[in-house]
């Protein structure tokens, strides 16, 4: 008899949890249906609605990461600088990759990625809002004989991390601009 009561309690708890999950799903669908959006919490200027990004082709990774961050905060992108609230001009992007072998007990290797980016921000009247600003990010990866086969994957991850960090630094500067 005692065993049946245990199963009865488990099934009651399972039913409660199931009903709770279903009610959360229904609530989420109703909120989305009403136009509710979850946005990231970055303090951008209130009147910043559109952005134009001008960059060379080698900045594609940083620009795409920057677009993701800004789109998640409700910013739209335009190609014409005259239609944008601000124009972000990426002047230069340089990165340095270095693989150094450090001799030691485990023959450890060190991979260093350093990215430097310079940019400035103008408004739709071509007035300079932020003079040319230089930012940089440095990340390191340490490897040894057991994970040297995954160095290409690790360096790809490192490049992605550096790109996201650069994009967030640009957004931090963009949040300080007075439009």
Protein backbone atom coordinates (compact mmCIF):
# COMPACT_ATOMS: atom_id res chain seq x y z
CA UNK A 1 0.00 0.00 0.00
CA UNK A 2 2.84 2.35 0.84
CA UNK A 3 4.39 1.90 -2.62
CA UNK A 4 1.16 3.02 -4.32
CA UNK A 5 1.07 6.23 -2.28
CA UNK A 6 4.62 7.07 -3.33
CA UNK A 7 3.69 6.61 -6.99
CA UNK A 8 0.53 8.63 -6.42
CA UNK A 9 2.56 11.56 -5.02
CA UNK A 10 5.04 11.36 -7.88
CA UNK A 11 2.28 11.42 -10.47
CA UNK A 12 0.59 14.37 -8.71
CA UNK A 13 3.87 16.32 -8.73
CA UNK A 14 4.40 15.41 -12.38
CA UNK A 15 0.94 16.73 -13.24
CA UNK A 16 1.61 19.99 -11.38
CA UNK A 17 4.93 20.51 -13.13
CA UNK A 18 3.36 19.72 -16.51
CA UNK A 19 0.54 22.20 -15.94
CA UNK A 20 3.02 24.87 -14.82
CA UNK A 21 5.13 24.38 -17.97
CA UNK A 22 2.05 24.52 -20.19
CA UNK A 23 0.87 27.72 -18.49
CA UNK A 24 4.31 29.33 -19.06
CA UNK A 25 4.20 28.37 -22.74
CA UNK A 26 0.68 29.79 -23.12
CA UNK A 27 1.74 33.01 -21.36
CA UNK A 28 4.79 33.36 -23.64
CA UNK A 29 2.69 32.83 -26.77
CA UNK A 30 0.14 35.41 -25.60
CA UNK A 31 2.86 37.98 -24.86
CA UNK A 32 4.50 37.43 -28.24
CA UNK A 33 1.10 37.71 -29.91
CA UNK A 34 0.59 41.10 -28.23
CA UNK A 35 3.89 42.37 -29.65
CA UNK A 36 6.00 41.95 -26.51
CA UNK A 37 9.71 41.62 -27.31
CA UNK A 38 12.58 40.70 -25.06
CA UNK A 39 15.52 43.02 -25.68
CA UNK A 40 19.03 43.08 -24.40
CA UNK A 41 19.78 45.61 -21.71
CA UNK A 42 22.21 48.02 -23.38
CA UNK A 43 21.71 51.70 -22.62
CA UNK A 44 21.67 53.20 -26.10
CA UNK A 45 20.41 56.74 -26.73
CA UNK A 46 16.59 56.80 -26.90
CA UNK A 47 16.41 58.61 -30.22
CA UNK A 48 18.84 56.16 -31.87
CA UNK A 49 16.65 54.17 -34.25
CA UNK A 50 18.77 53.67 -37.39
CA UNK A 51 22.48 53.10 -37.96
CA UNK A 52 24.60 53.01 -41.09
CA UNK A 53 27.85 51.04 -40.90
CA UNK A 54 30.60 51.75 -43.40
CA UNK A 55 33.49 49.30 -43.35
CA UNK A 56 35.88 47.51 -45.64
CA UNK A 57 35.40 43.82 -46.47
CA UNK A 58 37.90 42.51 -43.93
CA UNK A 59 35.71 43.78 -41.08
CA UNK A 60 32.82 41.44 -41.94
CA UNK A 61 33.00 39.40 -38.74
CA UNK A 62 33.02 42.42 -36.42
CA UNK A 63 30.27 44.14 -38.42
CA UNK A 64 28.02 41.06 -38.37
CA UNK A 65 28.49 40.68 -34.60
CA UNK A 66 27.78 44.37 -34.12
CA UNK A 67 24.62 44.10 -36.21
CA UNK A 68 23.37 41.18 -34.11
CA UNK A 69 23.89 43.13 -30.88
CA UNK A 70 22.21 46.28 -32.18
CA UNK A 71 19.30 44.44 -33.85
CA UNK A 72 18.59 42.69 -30.55
CA UNK A 73 18.20 46.19 -29.11
CA UNK A 74 15.72 47.34 -31.75
CA UNK A 75 18.13 49.25 -34.01
CA UNK A 76 17.50 49.15 -37.77
CA UNK A 77 20.22 49.36 -40.43
CA UNK A 78 20.21 51.52 -43.54
CA UNK A 79 22.74 51.81 -46.36
CA UNK A 80 22.36 55.54 -46.93
CA UNK A 81 24.14 57.62 -44.24
CA UNK A 82 21.70 60.51 -44.77
CA UNK A 83 18.82 58.29 -43.64
CA UNK A 84 20.61 57.07 -40.51
CA UNK A 85 20.63 58.67 -37.08
CA UNK A 86 24.34 57.86 -36.84
CA UNK A 87 26.95 56.52 -39.22
CA UNK A 88 29.66 54.28 -37.81
CA UNK A 89 32.73 54.39 -40.04
CA UNK A 90 35.31 51.68 -39.39
CA UNK A 91 38.58 53.20 -40.56
CA UNK A 92 40.88 50.27 -40.01
CA UNK A 93 40.95 46.80 -38.58
CA UNK A 94 44.19 45.00 -37.97
CA UNK A 95 44.78 41.70 -36.27
CA UNK A 96 47.94 39.90 -35.31
CA UNK A 97 48.12 36.14 -34.86
CA UNK A 98 51.14 34.64 -33.22
CA UNK A 99 51.94 31.02 -32.46
CA UNK A 100 54.83 30.56 -30.07
CA UNK A 101 56.18 27.29 -28.77
CA UNK A 102 57.31 27.46 -25.19
CA UNK A 103 59.66 24.63 -24.37
CA UNK A 104 59.04 22.98 -21.09
CA UNK A 105 57.97 19.74 -19.52
CA UNK A 106 54.83 19.43 -21.63
CA UNK A 107 55.91 21.34 -24.76
CA UNK A 108 53.14 23.88 -24.32
CA UNK A 109 52.19 26.23 -27.13
CA UNK A 110 50.71 29.66 -26.84
CA UNK A 111 48.44 31.26 -29.42
CA UNK A 112 47.86 35.00 -29.08
CA UNK A 113 45.31 37.00 -31.09
CA UNK A 114 45.39 40.76 -30.89
CA UNK A 115 42.81 42.86 -32.76
CA UNK A 116 43.01 46.63 -33.18
CA UNK A 117 40.11 48.61 -34.62
CA UNK A 118 39.68 52.32 -35.24
CA UNK A 119 36.37 54.02 -35.97
CA UNK A 120 34.50 57.30 -35.75
CA UNK A 121 30.81 58.22 -35.54
CA UNK A 122 28.94 60.94 -37.46
CA UNK A 123 25.29 62.01 -37.42
CA UNK A 124 22.99 62.36 -40.45
CA UNK A 125 24.18 65.96 -40.97
CA UNK A 126 27.77 64.68 -41.24
CA UNK A 127 28.69 66.25 -37.89
CA UNK A 128 31.39 64.37 -36.00
CA UNK A 129 29.89 62.92 -32.81
CA UNK A 130 32.85 60.78 -31.77
CA UNK A 131 36.35 61.44 -33.13
CA UNK A 132 38.47 58.57 -34.35
CA UNK A 133 38.72 56.08 -31.53
CA UNK A 134 41.07 53.13 -31.31
CA UNK A 135 40.16 50.00 -29.39
CA UNK A 136 41.95 46.69 -29.02
CA UNK A 137 41.38 43.24 -27.59
CA UNK A 138 43.97 40.56 -26.79
CA UNK A 139 43.11 36.92 -26.11
CA UNK A 140 45.35 33.93 -25.50
CA UNK A 141 45.01 30.19 -25.94
CA UNK A 142 47.38 27.73 -24.36
CA UNK A 143 47.75 24.27 -25.83
CA UNK A 144 49.79 21.17 -25.26
CA UNK A 145 50.51 17.91 -27.06
CA UNK A 146 47.11 16.44 -26.20
CA UNK A 147 45.08 19.18 -27.85
CA UNK A 148 47.28 20.30 -30.74
CA UNK A 149 44.91 18.54 -33.13
CA UNK A 150 42.20 21.00 -32.18
CA UNK A 151 44.31 24.14 -32.63
CA UNK A 152 42.38 25.24 -35.73
CA UNK A 153 39.09 24.96 -33.86
CA UNK A 154 40.53 26.78 -30.85
CA UNK A 155 41.90 29.63 -32.95
CA UNK A 156 38.51 29.95 -34.65
CA UNK A 157 36.83 30.20 -31.25
CA UNK A 158 39.43 32.74 -30.19
CA UNK A 159 38.79 34.88 -33.28
CA UNK A 160 35.04 34.75 -32.58
CA UNK A 161 35.56 35.79 -28.95
CA UNK A 162 37.77 38.69 -30.01
CA UNK A 163 35.22 39.81 -32.61
CA UNK A 164 32.38 39.83 -30.07
CA UNK A 165 34.52 41.75 -27.58
CA UNK A 166 35.32 44.38 -30.21
CA UNK A 167 31.63 44.67 -31.13
CA UNK A 168 30.66 45.18 -27.47
CA UNK A 169 33.35 47.84 -27.07
CA UNK A 170 31.96 49.69 -30.10
CA UNK A 171 28.46 49.50 -28.60
CA UNK A 172 29.79 50.92 -25.32
CA UNK A 173 31.18 53.92 -27.21
CA UNK A 174 27.95 54.23 -29.19
CA UNK A 175 25.94 54.35 -25.96
CA UNK A 176 27.89 57.45 -24.82
CA UNK A 177 27.19 59.42 -28.01
CA UNK A 178 24.72 62.31 -27.75
CA UNK A 179 22.58 62.51 -30.86
